[in-house]
Protein backbone atom coordinates (compact mmCIF):
# COMPACT_ATOMS: atom_id res chain seq x y z
CA MET A 1 -14.75 -9.04 -36.13
CA LYS A 2 -17.73 -6.66 -34.77
CA GLY A 3 -19.10 -5.30 -37.46
CA PRO A 4 -21.50 -6.18 -39.87
CA ASP A 5 -19.80 -8.48 -42.11
CA PHE A 6 -19.11 -11.23 -39.39
CA PHE A 7 -20.59 -11.14 -35.54
CA ASN A 8 -22.88 -7.33 -35.91
CA VAL A 9 -22.99 -6.79 -33.01
CA LYS A 10 -25.06 -3.52 -33.26
CA GLN A 11 -28.16 -5.80 -34.98
CA PHE A 12 -27.20 -8.74 -32.83
CA PRO A 13 -26.11 -7.94 -29.75
CA ILE A 14 -26.45 -10.88 -27.63
CA ILE A 15 -25.57 -14.03 -27.76
CA ALA A 16 -27.51 -16.31 -25.61
CA PHE A 17 -27.89 -19.93 -24.14
CA LYS A 18 -31.05 -20.90 -22.95
CA ALA A 19 -30.78 -24.83 -21.13
CA LYS A 20 -33.67 -27.14 -21.34
CA GLU A 21 -31.88 -30.67 -19.52
CA VAL A 22 -28.83 -30.40 -17.25
CA LYS A 23 -26.27 -33.14 -16.27
CA LYS A 24 -23.74 -33.84 -13.86
CA THR A 25 -20.83 -36.18 -15.31
CA GLY A 26 -18.11 -35.98 -13.13
CA LYS A 27 -17.10 -34.56 -10.03
CA ASP A 28 -17.25 -30.79 -11.34
CA THR A 29 -18.28 -31.64 -14.69
CA TYR A 30 -21.20 -30.92 -16.21
CA GLU A 31 -23.27 -31.37 -19.39
CA ALA A 32 -26.17 -28.55 -20.29
CA THR A 33 -28.08 -29.42 -23.90
CA GLY A 34 -29.97 -26.19 -24.82
CA ASP A 35 -30.62 -23.43 -27.54
CA LEU A 36 -27.31 -21.65 -28.28
CA THR A 37 -28.76 -17.82 -30.25
CA LEU A 38 -26.02 -15.97 -32.21
CA HIS A 39 -26.26 -13.65 -35.23
CA GLY A 40 -30.01 -14.25 -35.10
CA VAL A 41 -30.10 -17.88 -35.73
CA THR A 42 -31.03 -20.59 -32.87
CA LYS A 43 -29.58 -23.79 -33.16
CA GLU A 44 -29.47 -26.96 -30.54
CA LEU A 45 -25.92 -27.41 -28.62
CA LYS A 46 -24.68 -29.72 -26.33
CA ILE A 47 -21.73 -27.84 -23.76
CA GLN A 48 -19.42 -28.94 -21.44
CA ALA A 49 -19.43 -26.47 -18.21
CA GLU A 50 -16.92 -26.66 -15.03
CA HIS A 51 -17.64 -26.07 -11.71
CA VAL A 52 -14.52 -23.84 -11.16
CA GLY A 53 -15.66 -22.45 -7.84
CA THR A 54 -18.16 -21.69 -4.42
CA GLY A 55 -17.94 -18.57 -2.74
CA LYS A 56 -20.21 -15.91 -0.55
CA GLY A 57 -21.33 -12.84 -2.29
CA MET A 58 -21.74 -8.92 -1.09
CA GLU A 59 -25.13 -9.75 1.18
CA GLY A 60 -23.64 -13.35 2.13
CA GLU A 61 -25.09 -15.08 -0.25
CA GLU A 62 -23.67 -18.89 -2.09
CA ARG A 63 -22.71 -18.00 -4.94
CA ALA A 64 -21.08 -20.44 -7.75
CA GLY A 65 -19.35 -19.93 -10.54
CA PHE A 66 -18.79 -21.95 -13.95
CA GLU A 67 -16.56 -22.33 -16.89
CA ALA A 68 -17.42 -23.85 -20.51
CA SER A 69 -15.40 -23.95 -23.97
CA PHE A 70 -17.09 -24.75 -27.43
CA LYS A 71 -16.47 -24.89 -30.42
CA LEU A 72 -18.63 -23.84 -33.73
CA LYS A 73 -19.27 -23.21 -37.02
CA ARG A 74 -19.74 -19.31 -38.36
CA SER A 75 -21.54 -20.34 -41.19
CA ASP A 76 -24.18 -22.24 -39.10
CA PHE A 77 -25.28 -18.95 -37.71
CA GLY A 78 -25.27 -16.91 -41.48
CA MET A 79 -22.18 -15.69 -41.10
CA LYS A 80 -20.68 -16.72 -44.43
CA PHE A 81 -18.12 -13.69 -45.24
CA MET A 82 -14.18 -14.71 -45.56
CA ILE A 83 -14.89 -18.11 -44.54
CA GLY A 84 -11.49 -19.49 -46.13
CA PRO A 85 -9.20 -16.55 -45.49
CA VAL A 86 -11.03 -15.80 -41.67
CA GLY A 87 -12.33 -19.43 -40.96
CA ASP A 88 -15.39 -21.26 -40.17
CA GLU A 89 -14.54 -22.67 -37.09
CA ILE A 90 -14.50 -20.47 -33.87
CA GLN A 91 -14.60 -20.85 -29.38
CA VAL A 92 -16.45 -19.51 -27.40
CA ILE A 93 -15.12 -19.17 -24.25
CA ALA A 94 -17.63 -18.28 -21.33
CA SER A 95 -18.27 -17.88 -17.90
CA LEU A 96 -20.84 -18.05 -15.59
CA GLU A 97 -21.52 -16.50 -11.98
CA CYS A 98 -24.95 -17.77 -10.25
CA THR A 99 -26.98 -18.10 -7.19
CA ALA A 100 -29.38 -20.51 -5.86
CA GLY A 101 -32.68 -19.25 -7.10
CA GLY A 102 -35.98 -18.60 -4.82
CA SER A 103 -40.12 -18.77 -6.10
């Protein structure tokens, strides 16, 4: 799946999501709308995320963890090789740990 016929990780080593808007949708849940760049193609996407924990980092800073899971079509991002036998829809699971930023 890493090869040039699929995700081509040599040419496209990074999958990036840049949030434009984040809304709280529940006690620990959020919806982020933003641009997902995968395989050199950027598309707007809504992602549901869950706050999974908070704790102190090694330097005493507050850290928060989030998890998101979403489905997308490979063909929407230019990956059309073996759509029938392998399938078009994939599930992406992302975990994020962050700290509050300062200026």
